[in-house]
Amino acid sequence: MPQRHCAALAACSLACQNLSLMKKRLLLIYICAALPFCALTLSATTDEPALPAASADEPAPTTVEVKGRTVRVLHAQGQVLEVYNITGVPVMKVRIDANDKTVQLNLGRGCYLIKVGNVTRKITLPA
């Protein structure tokens, strides 16, 4: 009789361990599934602004927009637009004389680097 009791107790203990392990796994799966939503909620409810507000004393950041062979440069008056080929050889320089300047690139097809102040862009000109 005691052997049956020990065997039943061992089986019950093993079943409880398996149940406990299964609960732990389910809890881990639940936490992993809920974690991204918690992170989004926390970041969405912070009181800190995403970007620092520009003060009246600071100039707006230089912006370079490229569409086809046209380059538009904003907030870079007095700076120089430099264009380099893929090997780093300068192929074009234009002084930016207005706060909003549009420049037409009359260059051959290929990859180029555009630099205005501390802003650099890689562009590809079509045929």
N, C-alpha and C. Protein backbone atom coordinates (compact mmCIF):
# COMPACT_ATOMS: atom_id res chain seq x y z
N MET A 1 0.80 -1.19 0.00
CA MET A 1 0.00 0.00 0.00
C MET A 1 0.86 1.27 0.00
N PRO A 2 1.91 1.35 0.81
CA PRO A 2 2.70 2.57 0.81
C PRO A 2 3.34 2.86 -0.54
N GLN A 3 3.67 1.81 -1.34
CA GLN A 3 4.28 2.07 -2.64
C GLN A 3 3.30 2.75 -3.57
N ARG A 4 2.03 2.34 -3.54
CA ARG A 4 1.03 2.96 -4.39
C ARG A 4 0.85 4.43 -3.98
N HIS A 5 0.86 4.67 -2.68
CA HIS A 5 0.69 6.02 -2.19
C HIS A 5 1.86 6.91 -2.66
N CYS A 6 3.08 6.38 -2.58
CA CYS A 6 4.26 7.13 -3.03
C CYS A 6 4.21 7.38 -4.53
N ALA A 7 3.76 6.39 -5.30
CA ALA A 7 3.68 6.54 -6.75
C ALA A 7 2.63 7.59 -7.11
N ALA A 8 1.50 7.56 -6.41
CA ALA A 8 0.44 8.53 -6.66
C ALA A 8 0.92 9.93 -6.27
N LEU A 9 1.63 10.04 -5.16
CA LEU A 9 2.15 11.32 -4.71
C LEU A 9 3.18 11.87 -5.71
N ALA A 10 4.04 10.99 -6.23
CA ALA A 10 5.04 11.40 -7.21
C ALA A 10 4.36 11.87 -8.50
N ALA A 11 3.32 11.15 -8.93
CA ALA A 11 2.60 11.53 -10.14
C ALA A 11 1.91 12.87 -9.95
N CYS A 12 1.32 13.07 -8.77
CA CYS A 12 0.64 14.33 -8.47
C CYS A 12 1.66 15.47 -8.41
N SER A 13 2.82 15.24 -7.82
CA SER A 13 3.85 16.24 -7.73
C SER A 13 4.35 16.63 -9.13
N LEU A 14 4.54 15.61 -9.99
CA LEU A 14 4.98 15.86 -11.35
C LEU A 14 3.94 16.65 -12.12
N ALA A 15 2.65 16.32 -11.92
CA ALA A 15 1.58 17.04 -12.60
C ALA A 15 1.54 18.50 -12.13
N CYS A 16 1.73 18.72 -10.83
CA CYS A 16 1.75 20.09 -10.31
C CYS A 16 2.94 20.87 -10.86
N GLN A 17 4.09 20.22 -10.99
CA GLN A 17 5.26 20.89 -11.55
C GLN A 17 5.01 21.27 -13.01
N ASN A 18 4.41 20.34 -13.76
CA ASN A 18 4.10 20.62 -15.17
C ASN A 18 3.09 21.76 -15.27
N LEU A 19 2.09 21.77 -14.37
CA LEU A 19 1.09 22.82 -14.37
C LEU A 19 1.76 24.16 -14.03
N SER A 20 2.65 24.14 -13.05
CA SER A 20 3.36 25.35 -12.67
C SER A 20 4.23 25.85 -13.81
N LEU A 21 4.91 24.95 -14.50
CA LEU A 21 5.75 25.31 -15.64
C LEU A 21 4.89 25.89 -16.77
N MET A 22 3.72 25.29 -16.99
CA MET A 22 2.83 25.78 -18.03
C MET A 22 2.32 27.18 -17.66
N LYS A 23 2.00 27.40 -16.39
CA LYS A 23 1.56 28.73 -15.96
C LYS A 23 2.67 29.75 -16.17
N LYS A 24 3.90 29.38 -15.86
CA LYS A 24 5.03 30.28 -16.04
C LYS A 24 5.21 30.63 -17.51
N ARG A 25 5.08 29.63 -18.37
CA ARG A 25 5.23 29.87 -19.80
C ARG A 25 4.13 30.77 -20.33
N LEU A 26 2.88 30.51 -19.89
CA LEU A 26 1.77 31.35 -20.33
C LEU A 26 1.94 32.79 -19.83
N LEU A 27 2.41 32.95 -18.62
CA LEU A 27 2.64 34.28 -18.09
C LEU A 27 3.74 35.00 -18.89
N LEU A 28 4.80 34.27 -19.24
CA LEU A 28 5.89 34.85 -20.03
C LEU A 28 5.39 35.26 -21.42
N ILE A 29 4.57 34.41 -22.04
CA ILE A 29 4.02 34.75 -23.36
C ILE A 29 3.13 35.98 -23.26
N TYR A 30 2.32 36.06 -22.20
CA TYR A 30 1.45 37.21 -22.01
C TYR A 30 2.25 38.49 -21.82
N ILE A 31 3.28 38.42 -21.02
CA ILE A 31 4.11 39.60 -20.77
C ILE A 31 4.81 40.04 -22.05
N CYS A 32 5.36 39.09 -22.81
CA CYS A 32 6.05 39.44 -24.07
C CYS A 32 5.09 40.05 -25.08
N ALA A 33 3.85 39.54 -25.09
CA ALA A 33 2.87 40.08 -26.03
C ALA A 33 2.40 41.47 -25.61
N ALA A 34 2.32 41.72 -24.32
CA ALA A 34 1.82 43.01 -23.84
C ALA A 34 2.90 44.07 -23.76
N LEU A 35 4.16 43.69 -23.74
CA LEU A 35 5.26 44.64 -23.56
C LEU A 35 5.31 45.74 -24.61
N PRO A 36 5.17 45.45 -25.91
CA PRO A 36 5.20 46.54 -26.89
C PRO A 36 4.10 47.57 -26.68
N PHE A 37 2.92 47.12 -26.26
CA PHE A 37 1.83 48.05 -26.02
C PHE A 37 2.10 48.92 -24.81
N CYS A 38 2.73 48.37 -23.80
CA CYS A 38 3.08 49.16 -22.62
C CYS A 38 4.11 50.22 -22.98
N ALA A 39 5.08 49.85 -23.81
CA ALA A 39 6.11 50.81 -24.20
C ALA A 39 5.50 51.94 -25.02
N LEU A 40 4.56 51.63 -25.91
CA LEU A 40 3.91 52.67 -26.69
C LEU A 40 3.08 53.58 -25.80
N THR A 41 2.41 53.01 -24.85
CA THR A 41 1.60 53.81 -23.94
C THR A 41 2.47 54.73 -23.12
N LEU A 42 3.59 54.23 -22.63
CA LEU A 42 4.47 55.05 -21.82
C LEU A 42 5.07 56.18 -22.63
N SER A 43 5.49 55.90 -23.86
CA SER A 43 6.11 56.95 -24.66
C SER A 43 5.07 57.96 -25.12
N ALA A 44 3.83 57.55 -25.26
CA ALA A 44 2.80 58.46 -25.71
C ALA A 44 2.33 59.39 -24.60
N THR A 45 2.54 59.00 -23.35
CA THR A 45 2.02 59.80 -22.26
C THR A 45 3.10 60.63 -21.56
N THR A 46 4.30 60.67 -22.10
CA THR A 46 5.34 61.48 -21.48
C THR A 46 5.05 62.95 -21.71
N ASP A 47 5.48 63.79 -20.80
CA ASP A 47 5.24 65.22 -20.91
C ASP A 47 6.35 65.95 -21.65
N GLU A 48 7.42 65.25 -21.98
CA GLU A 48 8.53 65.89 -22.67
C GLU A 48 8.21 66.05 -24.15
N PRO A 49 8.56 67.19 -24.75
CA PRO A 49 8.31 67.35 -26.19
C PRO A 49 9.25 66.45 -26.99
N ALA A 50 8.80 66.01 -28.16
CA ALA A 50 9.60 65.12 -29.00
C ALA A 50 10.84 65.84 -29.51
N LEU A 51 10.70 67.08 -29.92
CA LEU A 51 11.83 67.87 -30.41
C LEU A 51 11.88 69.17 -29.61
N PRO A 52 13.06 69.63 -29.30
CA PRO A 52 13.12 70.89 -28.58
C PRO A 52 12.58 72.03 -29.44
N ALA A 53 11.86 72.91 -28.83
CA ALA A 53 11.29 74.04 -29.56
C ALA A 53 12.40 75.01 -29.96
N ALA A 54 12.34 75.49 -31.19
CA ALA A 54 13.35 76.44 -31.65
C ALA A 54 13.06 77.80 -31.03
N SER A 55 14.07 78.39 -30.46
CA SER A 55 13.89 79.71 -29.88
C SER A 55 14.01 80.77 -30.97
N ALA A 56 13.63 81.98 -30.62
CA ALA A 56 13.68 83.06 -31.61
C ALA A 56 15.11 83.40 -31.99
N ASP A 57 16.08 83.10 -31.10
CA ASP A 57 17.48 83.41 -31.38
C ASP A 57 18.13 82.40 -32.32
N GLU A 58 17.64 81.17 -32.31
CA GLU A 58 18.24 80.12 -33.13
C GLU A 58 17.69 80.16 -34.55
N PRO A 59 18.56 80.07 -35.55
CA PRO A 59 18.06 80.01 -36.92
C PRO A 59 17.43 78.64 -37.19
N ALA A 60 16.52 78.60 -38.15
CA ALA A 60 15.89 77.34 -38.53
C ALA A 60 16.95 76.43 -39.15
N PRO A 61 16.82 75.12 -38.99
CA PRO A 61 17.82 74.22 -39.57
C PRO A 61 17.78 74.21 -41.09
N THR A 62 18.94 74.01 -41.68
CA THR A 62 19.05 73.96 -43.14
C THR A 62 18.34 72.71 -43.65
N THR A 63 17.55 72.89 -44.69
CA THR A 63 16.81 71.79 -45.30
C THR A 63 17.19 71.68 -46.77
N VAL A 64 17.44 70.45 -47.24
CA VAL A 64 17.76 70.20 -48.65
C VAL A 64 16.74 69.21 -49.18
N GLU A 65 15.99 69.64 -50.22
CA GLU A 65 15.00 68.78 -50.86
C GLU A 65 15.41 68.54 -52.30
N VAL A 66 15.32 67.30 -52.76
CA VAL A 66 15.71 66.97 -54.13
C VAL A 66 14.53 66.31 -54.84
N LYS A 67 14.19 66.84 -56.02
CA LYS A 67 13.15 66.25 -56.88
C LYS A 67 13.68 66.23 -58.29
N GLY A 68 14.00 65.04 -58.77
CA GLY A 68 14.57 64.92 -60.11
C GLY A 68 15.93 65.59 -60.16
N ARG A 69 16.05 66.62 -61.01
CA ARG A 69 17.32 67.36 -61.14
C ARG A 69 17.24 68.74 -60.45
N THR A 70 16.21 68.95 -59.65
CA THR A 70 16.03 70.23 -58.97
C THR A 70 16.32 70.06 -57.48
N VAL A 71 17.15 70.97 -56.94
CA VAL A 71 17.49 70.96 -55.52
C VAL A 71 16.94 72.24 -54.91
N ARG A 72 16.19 72.10 -53.84
CA ARG A 72 15.66 73.27 -53.12
C ARG A 72 16.35 73.34 -51.76
N VAL A 73 16.94 74.48 -51.46
CA VAL A 73 17.67 74.66 -50.21
C VAL A 73 16.96 75.75 -49.40
N LEU A 74 16.61 75.42 -48.15
CA LEU A 74 15.92 76.35 -47.27
C LEU A 74 16.80 76.69 -46.08
N HIS A 75 16.74 77.94 -45.65
CA HIS A 75 17.42 78.41 -44.43
C HIS A 75 18.94 78.25 -44.50
N ALA A 76 19.55 78.58 -45.64
CA ALA A 76 21.00 78.44 -45.78
C ALA A 76 21.61 79.66 -46.46
N GLN A 77 20.99 80.81 -46.28
CA GLN A 77 21.48 82.02 -46.95
C GLN A 77 22.92 82.31 -46.51
N GLY A 78 23.78 82.60 -47.52
CA GLY A 78 25.19 82.89 -47.26
C GLY A 78 26.08 81.66 -47.28
N GLN A 79 25.51 80.47 -47.38
CA GLN A 79 26.31 79.25 -47.44
C GLN A 79 26.54 78.84 -48.89
N VAL A 80 27.29 77.76 -49.08
CA VAL A 80 27.62 77.28 -50.43
C VAL A 80 27.06 75.87 -50.60
N LEU A 81 26.36 75.65 -51.71
CA LEU A 81 25.91 74.32 -52.10
C LEU A 81 27.04 73.69 -52.89
N GLU A 82 27.56 72.57 -52.43
CA GLU A 82 28.65 71.87 -53.12
C GLU A 82 28.13 70.51 -53.59
N VAL A 83 28.46 70.16 -54.82
CA VAL A 83 28.07 68.87 -55.39
C VAL A 83 29.34 68.11 -55.73
N TYR A 84 29.43 66.87 -55.26
CA TYR A 84 30.60 66.01 -55.50
C TYR A 84 30.14 64.76 -56.24
N ASN A 85 31.00 64.27 -57.15
CA ASN A 85 30.68 62.98 -57.78
C ASN A 85 30.97 61.86 -56.78
N ILE A 86 30.71 60.65 -57.16
CA ILE A 86 30.81 59.52 -56.23
C ILE A 86 32.24 59.26 -55.76
N THR A 87 33.22 59.75 -56.50
CA THR A 87 34.61 59.58 -56.08
C THR A 87 35.10 60.72 -55.19
N GLY A 88 34.23 61.72 -54.96
CA GLY A 88 34.58 62.82 -54.07
C GLY A 88 35.15 64.04 -54.76
N VAL A 89 35.14 64.06 -56.07
CA VAL A 89 35.66 65.21 -56.83
C VAL A 89 34.55 66.26 -56.93
N PRO A 90 34.83 67.52 -56.55
CA PRO A 90 33.80 68.56 -56.66
C PRO A 90 33.47 68.84 -58.12
N VAL A 91 32.17 68.87 -58.44
CA VAL A 91 31.74 69.10 -59.82
C VAL A 91 30.90 70.36 -59.97
N MET A 92 30.46 70.95 -58.84
CA MET A 92 29.62 72.14 -58.93
C MET A 92 29.58 72.84 -57.58
N LYS A 93 29.62 74.19 -57.61
CA LYS A 93 29.47 75.00 -56.40
C LYS A 93 28.53 76.16 -56.72
N VAL A 94 27.58 76.40 -55.80
CA VAL A 94 26.64 77.50 -55.98
C VAL A 94 26.48 78.21 -54.64
N ARG A 95 26.63 79.55 -54.64
CA ARG A 95 26.42 80.32 -53.42
C ARG A 95 24.91 80.48 -53.22
N ILE A 96 24.45 80.21 -52.00
CA ILE A 96 23.03 80.35 -51.67
C ILE A 96 22.82 81.80 -51.24
N ASP A 97 22.14 82.58 -52.10
CA ASP A 97 21.97 84.00 -51.84
C ASP A 97 20.59 84.37 -51.32
N ALA A 98 19.73 83.37 -51.11
CA ALA A 98 18.39 83.64 -50.59
C ALA A 98 18.04 82.58 -49.54
N ASN A 99 17.04 82.87 -48.75
CA ASN A 99 16.63 81.93 -47.71
C ASN A 99 15.94 80.71 -48.31
N ASP A 100 15.39 80.85 -49.51
CA ASP A 100 14.75 79.74 -50.22
C ASP A 100 15.30 79.75 -51.64
N LYS A 101 16.23 78.86 -51.93
CA LYS A 101 16.93 78.85 -53.23
C LYS A 101 16.68 77.52 -53.94
N THR A 102 16.37 77.62 -55.24
CA THR A 102 16.20 76.43 -56.07
C THR A 102 17.32 76.41 -57.10
N VAL A 103 17.98 75.24 -57.21
CA VAL A 103 19.11 75.09 -58.12
C VAL A 103 18.83 73.93 -59.06
N GLN A 104 19.05 74.15 -60.36
CA GLN A 104 18.89 73.10 -61.36
C GLN A 104 20.25 72.42 -61.56
N LEU A 105 20.31 71.10 -61.43
CA LEU A 105 21.57 70.36 -61.61
C LEU A 105 21.69 69.93 -63.07
N ASN A 106 22.61 70.53 -63.79
CA ASN A 106 22.87 70.17 -65.19
C ASN A 106 24.08 69.25 -65.23
N LEU A 107 23.94 68.08 -64.65
CA LEU A 107 25.01 67.10 -64.57
C LEU A 107 24.57 65.82 -65.24
N GLY A 108 25.53 64.98 -65.55
CA GLY A 108 25.22 63.70 -66.17
C GLY A 108 24.55 62.74 -65.20
N ARG A 109 24.05 61.67 -65.78
CA ARG A 109 23.40 60.63 -64.99
C ARG A 109 24.40 60.02 -64.00
N GLY A 110 23.94 59.70 -62.77
CA GLY A 110 24.81 59.06 -61.80
C GLY A 110 24.52 59.45 -60.37
N CYS A 111 25.39 59.02 -59.47
CA CYS A 111 25.26 59.30 -58.05
C CYS A 111 26.14 60.48 -57.67
N TYR A 112 25.59 61.36 -56.83
CA TYR A 112 26.31 62.55 -56.40
C TYR A 112 26.06 62.78 -54.91
N LEU A 113 26.94 63.55 -54.29
CA LEU A 113 26.76 63.98 -52.92
C LEU A 113 26.54 65.48 -52.94
N ILE A 114 25.52 65.94 -52.21
CA ILE A 114 25.22 67.37 -52.10
C ILE A 114 25.51 67.78 -50.66
N LYS A 115 26.23 68.89 -50.51
CA LYS A 115 26.57 69.36 -49.17
C LYS A 115 26.26 70.84 -49.07
N VAL A 116 25.50 71.20 -48.02
CA VAL A 116 25.22 72.60 -47.70
C VAL A 116 25.44 72.74 -46.20
N GLY A 117 26.48 73.46 -45.81
CA GLY A 117 26.80 73.59 -44.38
C GLY A 117 27.13 72.23 -43.81
N ASN A 118 26.36 71.81 -42.79
CA ASN A 118 26.60 70.49 -42.19
C ASN A 118 25.58 69.46 -42.65
N VAL A 119 24.80 69.77 -43.69
CA VAL A 119 23.80 68.84 -44.23
C VAL A 119 24.36 68.22 -45.50
N THR A 120 24.35 66.88 -45.55
CA THR A 120 24.84 66.16 -46.73
C THR A 120 23.78 65.18 -47.18
N ARG A 121 23.54 65.10 -48.49
CA ARG A 121 22.57 64.16 -49.06
C ARG A 121 23.22 63.42 -50.23
N LYS A 122 22.85 62.16 -50.37
CA LYS A 122 23.28 61.36 -51.53
C LYS A 122 22.11 61.34 -52.48
N ILE A 123 22.36 61.66 -53.75
CA ILE A 123 21.28 61.68 -54.75
C ILE A 123 21.70 60.85 -55.96
N THR A 124 20.72 60.44 -56.72
CA THR A 124 20.95 59.74 -57.98
C THR A 124 20.19 60.50 -59.06
N LEU A 125 20.90 60.97 -60.05
CA LEU A 125 20.27 61.70 -61.15
C LEU A 125 19.91 60.72 -62.26
N PRO A 126 18.69 60.85 -62.78
CA PRO A 126 18.25 59.95 -63.86
C PRO A 126 18.86 60.36 -65.20
N ALA A 127 18.67 59.50 -66.17
CA ALA A 127 19.20 59.77 -67.53
C ALA A 127 18.48 60.89 -68.19
